[in-house]
Protein backbone atom coordinates (compact mmCIF):
# COMPACT_ATOMS: atom_id res chain seq x y z
CA MET A 1 13.27 18.31 -28.04
CA VAL A 2 10.77 15.63 -27.07
CA HIS A 3 9.74 17.32 -23.83
CA GLU A 4 8.56 20.33 -25.88
CA ASP A 5 6.51 18.24 -28.31
CA PRO A 6 2.94 19.53 -28.15
CA GLU A 7 1.60 16.37 -29.77
CA LEU A 8 3.15 14.12 -27.16
CA ARG A 9 2.03 16.53 -24.40
CA ALA A 10 -1.54 16.39 -25.73
CA ARG A 11 -1.46 12.56 -25.99
CA LEU A 12 -0.35 12.32 -22.34
CA ALA A 13 -3.12 14.67 -21.25
CA ALA A 14 -5.73 12.73 -23.23
CA GLU A 15 -4.53 9.44 -21.84
CA ALA A 16 -4.67 10.77 -18.26
CA GLU A 17 -8.20 12.00 -18.82
CA ARG A 18 -9.36 8.71 -20.46
CA THR A 19 -7.72 6.70 -17.67
CA ALA A 20 -9.26 8.83 -14.90
CA GLU A 21 -12.71 8.34 -16.52
CA ARG A 22 -12.13 4.67 -16.71
CA ILE A 23 -11.15 4.52 -13.03
CA SER A 24 -14.29 6.38 -12.07
CA ALA A 25 -16.47 3.94 -14.07
CA LEU A 26 -14.75 0.87 -12.60
CA GLU A 27 -15.10 2.33 -9.11
CA ARG A 28 -18.85 2.74 -9.73
CA ASP A 29 -19.05 -0.78 -11.11
CA TYR A 30 -17.13 -2.25 -8.16
CA GLY A 31 -19.39 -0.38 -5.71
CA ALA A 32 -22.50 -1.69 -7.45
CA ILE A 33 -21.17 -5.24 -7.23
CA VAL A 34 -20.34 -5.00 -3.56
CA ASP A 35 -23.64 -3.36 -2.78
CA GLY A 36 -25.47 -6.09 -4.69
CA MET A 37 -23.60 -8.70 -2.75
CA GLN A 38 -24.55 -7.10 0.54
CA LEU A 39 -28.30 -6.97 -0.44
CA SER A 40 -28.20 -10.68 -1.39
CA SER A 41 -28.43 -13.40 1.14
CA THR A 42 -26.98 -16.02 -1.22
CA ASP A 43 -24.35 -18.51 -0.36
CA ASP A 44 -21.50 -17.73 -2.80
CA GLU A 45 -20.13 -21.17 -2.49
CA HIS A 46 -23.35 -23.06 -3.47
CA ASP A 47 -25.31 -20.49 -5.55
CA PRO A 48 -24.27 -20.22 -9.18
CA GLU A 49 -25.08 -16.48 -9.15
CA GLY A 50 -22.90 -16.01 -6.09
CA PHE A 51 -19.87 -17.44 -7.95
CA THR A 52 -20.49 -15.20 -10.93
CA THR A 53 -20.73 -12.15 -8.67
CA ALA A 54 -17.41 -13.08 -6.94
CA VAL A 55 -15.78 -13.50 -10.37
CA ASP A 56 -17.16 -10.10 -11.42
CA ARG A 57 -15.88 -8.45 -8.28
CA SER A 58 -12.42 -9.98 -8.66
CA ARG A 59 -12.24 -9.04 -12.40
CA THR A 60 -13.34 -5.49 -11.78
CA SER A 61 -10.92 -5.11 -8.85
CA ALA A 62 -8.04 -6.28 -11.11
CA LEU A 63 -9.11 -3.92 -13.93
CA LEU A 64 -9.26 -1.04 -11.38
CA GLU A 65 -5.74 -1.82 -10.10
CA THR A 66 -4.39 -1.91 -13.66
CA ALA A 67 -6.06 1.41 -14.56
CA ARG A 68 -4.73 3.05 -11.38
CA HIS A 69 -1.16 1.86 -12.28
CA GLN A 70 -1.60 3.14 -15.85
CA LEU A 71 -2.69 6.53 -14.53
CA ALA A 72 0.37 6.64 -12.25
CA GLU A 73 2.61 5.87 -15.22
CA VAL A 74 1.03 8.64 -17.27
CA CYS A 75 1.39 11.12 -14.43
CA SER A 76 5.03 10.05 -14.07
CA ALA A 77 5.58 10.71 -17.77
CA GLN A 78 3.98 14.12 -17.44
CA GLU A 79 6.36 14.89 -14.53
CA ARG A 80 9.38 13.65 -16.65
CA MET A 81 8.21 15.98 -19.46
CA ALA A 82 8.00 18.96 -17.07
CA ALA A 83 11.47 18.05 -15.76
CA GLY A 84 12.92 17.76 -19.28
CA THR A 85 13.80 14.06 -18.90
CA TYR A 86 10.86 12.68 -20.92
CA GLY A 87 11.87 10.58 -23.90
CA ARG A 88 15.12 9.22 -22.43
CA CYS A 89 15.40 5.49 -21.77
CA GLU A 90 15.66 4.87 -18.03
CA VAL A 91 17.94 1.88 -18.66
CA CYS A 92 20.46 2.95 -21.28
CA GLY A 93 19.94 6.75 -21.39
CA GLU A 94 19.44 6.89 -25.13
CA ALA A 95 16.54 8.78 -26.73
CA ILE A 96 13.30 6.78 -27.07
CA PRO A 97 12.17 6.97 -30.65
CA ARG A 98 9.26 9.41 -31.21
CA GLY A 99 7.24 6.62 -32.83
CA ARG A 100 7.40 4.56 -29.64
CA LEU A 101 6.35 7.59 -27.58
CA LEU A 102 3.43 8.18 -29.93
CA ALA A 103 2.35 4.50 -29.55
CA ARG A 104 3.10 4.40 -25.81
CA PRO A 105 3.20 7.88 -24.42
CA ALA A 106 4.18 6.74 -20.94
CA ALA A 107 7.13 4.56 -22.15
CA ARG A 108 10.09 4.65 -19.85
CA THR A 109 12.45 2.62 -22.01
CA CYS A 110 13.59 2.32 -25.69
CA VAL A 111 12.38 -0.74 -27.59
CA GLU A 112 15.67 -2.52 -27.18
CA CYS A 113 15.75 -2.09 -23.36
CA ALA A 114 12.08 -3.03 -23.13
CA ASP A 115 12.75 -6.41 -24.66
CA PRO A 116 14.68 -8.63 -22.28
CA SER A 117 15.57 -11.02 -25.05
CA ARG A 118 17.64 -8.22 -26.72
CA ARG A 119 19.76 -7.47 -23.70
């Protein structure tokens, strides 16, 4: 059974750890950008450096949001594994191929249901 697969369990745990570390690093980066902006008296609109800083802040914020979503997906997969529902497509109910789960451990759907053009 997929929910008892130690390799998949380990992959989910490793993915959760990597993603949590990435979130911490991005939070530090974002904090440094914001702190730097507060120490600067530049006019973002007219200073070339101000524009770059605003872009960096926006990019880092988007990366942070993506990483938080990814961690939530991994945690959800771990919960499904504990509940015994991991590895079942949430759309059609069929088993998700192990190869897909190895490639995307937090996958919620089989390949066919993940591709809207195949429906």
